[in-house]
Amino acid sequence: MANAFGSTRSARTCLVSAALVALTGLSACAHSNGTPGEVPLRGHGAVIEVRNDEFDDVIVYLIRGGTPIPLGVVPGLKRRAFAVSESQLAEGAGIALGTGRRGEPVQRATMQFDLAPGRSATWIVRAGNRVEQPIVR
């Protein structure tokens, strides 16, 4: 029996092809990085996730040995994850995180903490002068 596709066989082939394309797309989504801004740990030393509760954008710094290393920008009221290489992590010496505005020095910084390779740290940049310590997992 013929239909709009010309034959039953071509309709079945078209349906199977569409199903395979859909399954391939779902499989790719299931193996993606997960939530937006999430960085996989594979191939990186550690991950630092920063949530910016301020309205203004902030530049996030990794501070090692007193030297600020810019990681990137977190827009106002957004979150972003940064991959940190093992060479940026200070073994035994500890690191700190800091923020500042474009063209200005670091305005706030956490106390030093240890972040081992394969671990992640989450830091919330709150409005005002409150500085909270990152949570290491």
N, C-alpha and C. Protein backbone atom coordinates (compact mmCIF):
# COMPACT_ATOMS: atom_id res chain seq x y z
N MET A 1 0.84 -1.17 0.00
CA MET A 1 0.00 0.00 0.00
C MET A 1 0.88 1.24 0.00
N ALA A 2 0.65 2.15 -0.88
CA ALA A 2 1.45 3.36 -1.01
C ALA A 2 0.91 4.44 -0.08
N ASN A 3 1.79 5.35 0.31
CA ASN A 3 1.39 6.49 1.14
C ASN A 3 2.08 7.74 0.62
N ALA A 4 2.15 8.82 1.43
CA ALA A 4 2.74 10.09 1.00
C ALA A 4 4.23 9.96 0.72
N PHE A 5 4.88 8.97 1.28
CA PHE A 5 6.32 8.78 1.06
C PHE A 5 6.60 7.95 -0.19
N GLY A 6 5.60 7.43 -0.80
CA GLY A 6 5.76 6.65 -2.01
C GLY A 6 5.57 5.16 -1.76
N SER A 7 5.98 4.69 -0.64
CA SER A 7 5.79 3.28 -0.32
C SER A 7 5.92 3.09 1.19
N THR A 8 5.44 1.96 1.67
CA THR A 8 5.53 1.63 3.09
C THR A 8 6.97 1.45 3.50
N ARG A 9 7.76 0.85 2.63
CA ARG A 9 9.16 0.58 2.95
C ARG A 9 9.94 1.89 3.13
N SER A 10 9.75 2.87 2.25
CA SER A 10 10.49 4.13 2.38
C SER A 10 10.02 4.91 3.61
N ALA A 11 8.76 4.79 3.98
CA ALA A 11 8.27 5.44 5.20
C ALA A 11 8.92 4.82 6.42
N ARG A 12 9.02 3.49 6.42
CA ARG A 12 9.65 2.79 7.54
C ARG A 12 11.13 3.17 7.62
N THR A 13 11.82 3.24 6.51
CA THR A 13 13.23 3.61 6.48
C THR A 13 13.42 5.04 7.00
N CYS A 14 12.55 5.93 6.61
CA CYS A 14 12.61 7.31 7.06
C CYS A 14 12.39 7.39 8.58
N LEU A 15 11.45 6.62 9.10
CA LEU A 15 11.15 6.61 10.53
C LEU A 15 12.32 6.05 11.33
N VAL A 16 12.92 4.98 10.86
CA VAL A 16 14.08 4.39 11.54
C VAL A 16 15.25 5.36 11.53
N SER A 17 15.48 6.01 10.40
CA SER A 17 16.57 6.99 10.31
C SER A 17 16.36 8.14 11.29
N ALA A 18 15.14 8.64 11.38
CA ALA A 18 14.83 9.73 12.32
C ALA A 18 15.04 9.29 13.76
N ALA A 19 14.66 8.05 14.08
CA ALA A 19 14.84 7.54 15.44
C ALA A 19 16.32 7.41 15.78
N LEU A 20 17.14 6.95 14.83
CA LEU A 20 18.58 6.83 15.06
C LEU A 20 19.22 8.19 15.28
N VAL A 21 18.81 9.18 14.52
CA VAL A 21 19.34 10.53 14.69
C VAL A 21 18.96 11.07 16.07
N ALA A 22 17.73 10.84 16.49
CA ALA A 22 17.27 11.31 17.81
C ALA A 22 18.04 10.63 18.93
N LEU A 23 18.25 9.31 18.82
CA LEU A 23 18.99 8.58 19.84
C LEU A 23 20.45 9.03 19.91
N THR A 24 21.03 9.29 18.75
CA THR A 24 22.42 9.79 18.73
C THR A 24 22.50 11.14 19.42
N GLY A 25 21.54 12.01 19.17
CA GLY A 25 21.51 13.33 19.83
C GLY A 25 21.35 13.21 21.32
N LEU A 26 20.46 12.31 21.78
CA LEU A 26 20.26 12.11 23.21
C LEU A 26 21.51 11.54 23.87
N SER A 27 22.17 10.64 23.19
CA SER A 27 23.41 10.06 23.72
C SER A 27 24.48 11.13 23.86
N ALA A 28 24.60 12.01 22.90
CA ALA A 28 25.59 13.09 22.97
C ALA A 28 25.28 14.03 24.12
N CYS A 29 24.01 14.32 24.34
CA CYS A 29 23.63 15.20 25.45
C CYS A 29 23.92 14.53 26.79
N ALA A 30 23.70 13.26 26.88
CA ALA A 30 23.91 12.55 28.14
C ALA A 30 25.39 12.49 28.51
N HIS A 31 26.27 12.56 27.52
CA HIS A 31 27.70 12.49 27.79
C HIS A 31 28.37 13.85 27.74
N SER A 32 27.60 14.92 27.72
CA SER A 32 28.17 16.25 27.70
C SER A 32 28.60 16.64 29.11
N ASN A 33 29.01 17.88 29.27
CA ASN A 33 29.54 18.35 30.55
C ASN A 33 28.47 18.52 31.63
N GLY A 34 27.23 18.30 31.34
CA GLY A 34 26.19 18.46 32.36
C GLY A 34 25.65 19.87 32.32
N THR A 35 25.67 20.55 33.46
CA THR A 35 25.11 21.88 33.55
C THR A 35 26.02 22.90 32.89
N PRO A 36 25.46 24.01 32.38
CA PRO A 36 26.28 25.04 31.75
C PRO A 36 27.30 25.59 32.74
N GLY A 37 28.51 25.81 32.26
CA GLY A 37 29.56 26.34 33.11
C GLY A 37 30.32 25.30 33.90
N GLU A 38 29.90 24.04 33.78
CA GLU A 38 30.57 22.97 34.50
C GLU A 38 31.78 22.51 33.70
N VAL A 39 32.91 22.33 34.37
CA VAL A 39 34.13 21.91 33.71
C VAL A 39 34.47 20.50 34.18
N PRO A 40 34.72 19.56 33.25
CA PRO A 40 35.07 18.21 33.67
C PRO A 40 36.46 18.19 34.29
N LEU A 41 36.68 17.30 35.27
CA LEU A 41 37.96 17.20 35.94
C LEU A 41 39.01 16.49 35.11
N ARG A 42 38.59 15.67 34.14
CA ARG A 42 39.53 14.90 33.36
C ARG A 42 40.51 15.82 32.63
N GLY A 43 41.81 15.61 32.83
CA GLY A 43 42.82 16.40 32.15
C GLY A 43 43.16 17.71 32.83
N HIS A 44 42.56 17.99 33.97
CA HIS A 44 42.82 19.23 34.69
C HIS A 44 43.24 18.89 36.11
N GLY A 45 43.93 19.83 36.73
CA GLY A 45 44.35 19.61 38.10
C GLY A 45 43.17 19.68 39.06
N ALA A 46 42.36 20.73 38.94
CA ALA A 46 41.22 20.93 39.83
C ALA A 46 40.25 21.88 39.14
N VAL A 47 39.09 22.04 39.75
CA VAL A 47 38.07 22.95 39.23
C VAL A 47 37.68 23.92 40.33
N ILE A 48 37.58 25.20 39.97
CA ILE A 48 37.13 26.23 40.90
C ILE A 48 35.85 26.82 40.32
N GLU A 49 34.76 26.69 41.07
CA GLU A 49 33.48 27.25 40.64
C GLU A 49 33.20 28.49 41.47
N VAL A 50 32.87 29.58 40.80
CA VAL A 50 32.61 30.85 41.48
C VAL A 50 31.22 31.32 41.13
N ARG A 51 30.44 31.66 42.17
CA ARG A 51 29.11 32.25 41.97
C ARG A 51 29.20 33.71 42.37
N ASN A 52 28.88 34.61 41.45
CA ASN A 52 28.95 36.04 41.69
C ASN A 52 27.57 36.57 42.05
N ASP A 53 27.37 36.91 43.33
CA ASP A 53 26.09 37.46 43.77
C ASP A 53 26.03 38.99 43.66
N GLU A 54 27.06 39.60 43.11
CA GLU A 54 27.06 41.05 42.89
C GLU A 54 26.46 41.35 41.53
N PHE A 55 26.08 42.60 41.32
CA PHE A 55 25.54 43.01 40.03
C PHE A 55 26.65 43.22 39.00
N ASP A 56 27.83 43.64 39.47
CA ASP A 56 28.95 43.93 38.57
C ASP A 56 29.75 42.67 38.25
N ASP A 57 30.36 42.67 37.08
CA ASP A 57 31.26 41.58 36.71
C ASP A 57 32.50 41.65 37.59
N VAL A 58 33.09 40.49 37.89
CA VAL A 58 34.33 40.46 38.65
C VAL A 58 35.34 39.58 37.93
N ILE A 59 36.60 39.95 38.07
CA ILE A 59 37.69 39.12 37.59
C ILE A 59 38.12 38.26 38.76
N VAL A 60 38.22 36.96 38.52
CA VAL A 60 38.61 36.02 39.57
C VAL A 60 40.09 35.70 39.42
N TYR A 61 40.79 35.73 40.55
CA TYR A 61 42.23 35.45 40.57
C TYR A 61 42.50 34.25 41.46
N LEU A 62 43.45 33.44 41.03
CA LEU A 62 44.05 32.41 41.87
C LEU A 62 45.31 33.06 42.43
N ILE A 63 45.43 33.11 43.74
CA ILE A 63 46.58 33.76 44.36
C ILE A 63 47.48 32.68 44.93
N ARG A 64 48.68 32.60 44.38
CA ARG A 64 49.65 31.60 44.82
C ARG A 64 50.97 32.31 45.13
N GLY A 65 51.44 32.16 46.35
CA GLY A 65 52.68 32.81 46.74
C GLY A 65 52.59 34.32 46.68
N GLY A 66 51.39 34.86 46.89
CA GLY A 66 51.18 36.31 46.85
C GLY A 66 51.00 36.88 45.45
N THR A 67 51.12 36.06 44.42
CA THR A 67 50.99 36.51 43.04
C THR A 67 49.60 36.18 42.50
N PRO A 68 48.81 37.20 42.10
CA PRO A 68 47.49 36.92 41.53
C PRO A 68 47.60 36.44 40.08
N ILE A 69 46.96 35.33 39.79
CA ILE A 69 46.91 34.76 38.45
C ILE A 69 45.46 34.86 37.98
N PRO A 70 45.16 35.69 36.96
CA PRO A 70 43.77 35.82 36.54
C PRO A 70 43.23 34.52 35.93
N LEU A 71 42.06 34.10 36.42
CA LEU A 71 41.40 32.91 35.89
C LEU A 71 40.37 33.28 34.83
N GLY A 72 39.69 34.40 35.02
CA GLY A 72 38.67 34.83 34.07
C GLY A 72 37.63 35.72 34.72
N VAL A 73 36.60 36.03 33.96
CA VAL A 73 35.54 36.94 34.40
C VAL A 73 34.28 36.15 34.73
N VAL A 74 33.64 36.53 35.84
CA VAL A 74 32.33 35.99 36.18
C VAL A 74 31.34 37.15 36.10
N PRO A 75 30.41 37.10 35.16
CA PRO A 75 29.43 38.18 35.04
C PRO A 75 28.57 38.30 36.30
N GLY A 76 28.01 39.48 36.50
CA GLY A 76 27.14 39.72 37.64
C GLY A 76 25.97 38.76 37.68
N LEU A 77 25.68 38.25 38.87
CA LEU A 77 24.56 37.34 39.13
C LEU A 77 24.64 36.05 38.30
N LYS A 78 25.86 35.61 38.01
CA LYS A 78 26.08 34.37 37.25
C LYS A 78 27.09 33.50 37.99
N ARG A 79 27.29 32.29 37.50
CA ARG A 79 28.33 31.41 38.02
C ARG A 79 29.16 30.90 36.87
N ARG A 80 30.42 30.57 37.21
CA ARG A 80 31.32 30.07 36.18
C ARG A 80 32.34 29.15 36.83
N ALA A 81 32.77 28.15 36.08
CA ALA A 81 33.77 27.20 36.57
C ALA A 81 35.06 27.40 35.79
N PHE A 82 36.18 27.27 36.49
CA PHE A 82 37.50 27.44 35.90
C PHE A 82 38.31 26.17 36.12
N ALA A 83 38.96 25.69 35.08
CA ALA A 83 39.87 24.57 35.20
C ALA A 83 41.23 25.11 35.62
N VAL A 84 41.82 24.50 36.64
CA VAL A 84 43.12 24.93 37.14
C VAL A 84 44.09 23.77 36.92
N SER A 85 45.19 24.05 36.25
CA SER A 85 46.16 22.99 35.97
C SER A 85 46.93 22.62 37.24
N GLU A 86 47.51 21.46 37.23
CA GLU A 86 48.29 21.01 38.39
C GLU A 86 49.46 21.95 38.66
N SER A 87 50.01 22.55 37.62
CA SER A 87 51.14 23.45 37.81
C SER A 87 50.73 24.74 38.53
N GLN A 88 49.45 25.10 38.47
CA GLN A 88 48.98 26.30 39.16
C GLN A 88 48.67 26.04 40.63
N LEU A 89 48.51 24.77 40.99
CA LEU A 89 48.21 24.44 42.38
C LEU A 89 49.52 24.39 43.16
N ALA A 90 49.53 25.02 44.32
CA ALA A 90 50.73 25.04 45.15
C ALA A 90 50.67 23.88 46.13
N GLU A 91 51.56 22.91 45.95
CA GLU A 91 51.55 21.75 46.84
C GLU A 91 52.04 22.14 48.22
N GLY A 92 51.19 22.00 49.21
CA GLY A 92 51.56 22.26 50.59
C GLY A 92 51.58 23.72 50.98
N ALA A 93 51.71 24.64 50.02
CA ALA A 93 51.81 26.06 50.34
C ALA A 93 50.43 26.72 50.45
N GLY A 94 49.45 26.15 49.81
CA GLY A 94 48.10 26.72 49.84
C GLY A 94 47.91 27.78 48.78
N ILE A 95 46.65 27.98 48.43
CA ILE A 95 46.26 29.00 47.46
C ILE A 95 45.16 29.83 48.08
N ALA A 96 44.88 30.96 47.46
CA ALA A 96 43.75 31.80 47.85
C ALA A 96 43.04 32.22 46.57
N LEU A 97 41.82 32.68 46.70
CA LEU A 97 41.07 33.23 45.58
C LEU A 97 40.82 34.70 45.85
N GLY A 98 40.77 35.49 44.81
CA GLY A 98 40.49 36.91 44.96
C GLY A 98 39.66 37.41 43.80
N THR A 99 39.08 38.60 43.99
CA THR A 99 38.31 39.23 42.93
C THR A 99 38.69 40.70 42.84
N GLY A 100 38.43 41.27 41.69
CA GLY A 100 38.64 42.68 41.46
C GLY A 100 37.88 43.11 40.23
N ARG A 101 37.83 44.39 40.03
CA ARG A 101 37.18 44.95 38.84
C ARG A 101 38.24 45.12 37.75
N ARG A 102 37.81 45.27 36.52
CA ARG A 102 38.75 45.47 35.40
C ARG A 102 39.61 46.70 35.66
N GLY A 103 40.92 46.52 35.48
CA GLY A 103 41.84 47.64 35.61
C GLY A 103 42.17 48.02 37.05
N GLU A 104 41.65 47.28 38.02
CA GLU A 104 41.91 47.58 39.43
C GLU A 104 42.61 46.40 40.07
N PRO A 105 43.29 46.63 41.20
CA PRO A 105 43.95 45.51 41.88
C PRO A 105 42.91 44.60 42.56
N VAL A 106 43.39 43.48 43.09
CA VAL A 106 42.51 42.56 43.83
C VAL A 106 41.90 43.31 45.01
N GLN A 107 40.57 43.27 45.11
CA GLN A 107 39.88 44.01 46.16
C GLN A 107 39.51 43.15 47.35
N ARG A 108 39.30 41.88 47.13
CA ARG A 108 38.99 40.97 48.24
C ARG A 108 39.62 39.63 47.96
N ALA A 109 40.01 38.94 49.03
CA ALA A 109 40.65 37.64 48.88
C ALA A 109 40.26 36.74 50.04
N THR A 110 40.24 35.46 49.74
CA THR A 110 39.95 34.47 50.78
C THR A 110 41.23 34.21 51.57
N MET A 111 41.10 33.49 52.66
CA MET A 111 42.28 32.99 53.35
C MET A 111 42.82 31.83 52.54
N GLN A 112 44.07 31.46 52.80
CA GLN A 112 44.66 30.35 52.06
C GLN A 112 43.98 29.04 52.40
N PHE A 113 43.92 28.16 51.41
CA PHE A 113 43.36 26.83 51.60
C PHE A 113 44.08 25.88 50.66
N ASP A 114 43.98 24.60 50.93
CA ASP A 114 44.60 23.57 50.09
C ASP A 114 43.59 23.03 49.10
N LEU A 115 44.01 22.89 47.86
CA LEU A 115 43.17 22.31 46.82
C LEU A 115 44.02 21.28 46.08
N ALA A 116 43.75 20.03 46.33
CA ALA A 116 44.51 18.94 45.72
C ALA A 116 44.01 18.66 44.31
N PRO A 117 44.87 18.15 43.43
CA PRO A 117 44.43 17.76 42.09
C PRO A 117 43.26 16.77 42.16
N GLY A 118 42.30 16.94 41.27
CA GLY A 118 41.13 16.06 41.24
C GLY A 118 40.00 16.54 42.13
N ARG A 119 40.22 17.59 42.90
CA ARG A 119 39.18 18.13 43.79
C ARG A 119 38.56 19.38 43.17
N SER A 120 37.49 19.87 43.79
CA SER A 120 36.86 21.10 43.32
C SER A 120 36.60 22.01 44.51
N ALA A 121 36.59 23.29 44.24
CA ALA A 121 36.30 24.30 45.25
C ALA A 121 35.17 25.19 44.73
N THR A 122 34.24 25.53 45.61
CA THR A 122 33.13 26.41 45.27
C THR A 122 33.20 27.65 46.15
N TRP A 123 33.13 28.83 45.52
CA TRP A 123 33.23 30.09 46.26
C TRP A 123 32.10 30.99 45.83
N ILE A 124 31.45 31.63 46.80
CA ILE A 124 30.38 32.58 46.53
C ILE A 124 30.91 33.98 46.82
N VAL A 125 30.86 34.84 45.80
CA VAL A 125 31.24 36.24 45.97
C VAL A 125 29.97 37.00 46.30
N ARG A 126 29.85 37.40 47.55
CA ARG A 126 28.64 38.07 48.02
C ARG A 126 28.78 39.59 47.90
N ALA A 127 27.65 40.26 47.80
CA ALA A 127 27.64 41.71 47.76
C ALA A 127 28.11 42.25 49.11
N GLY A 128 28.75 43.40 49.09
CA GLY A 128 29.25 43.98 50.34
C GLY A 128 30.68 43.55 50.59
N ASN A 129 31.12 43.67 51.83
CA ASN A 129 32.51 43.37 52.17
C ASN A 129 32.71 41.98 52.77
N ARG A 130 31.67 41.18 52.83
CA ARG A 130 31.81 39.83 53.40
C ARG A 130 32.66 38.96 52.49
N VAL A 131 33.62 38.27 53.09
CA VAL A 131 34.44 37.32 52.35
C VAL A 131 34.26 35.97 52.97
N GLU A 132 33.78 35.02 52.19
CA GLU A 132 33.57 33.69 52.68
C GLU A 132 34.62 32.75 52.13
N GLN A 133 34.91 31.73 52.87
CA GLN A 133 35.89 30.73 52.45
C GLN A 133 35.27 29.79 51.42
N PRO A 134 36.04 29.34 50.45
CA PRO A 134 35.56 28.35 49.48
C PRO A 134 35.31 27.01 50.17
N ILE A 135 34.40 26.26 49.62
CA ILE A 135 34.10 24.90 50.10
C ILE A 135 34.83 23.95 49.16
N VAL A 136 35.69 23.11 49.73
CA VAL A 136 36.48 22.17 48.94
C VAL A 136 35.83 20.80 49.02
N ARG A 137 35.63 20.17 47.88
CA ARG A 137 35.06 18.82 47.81
C ARG A 137 36.02 17.89 47.15
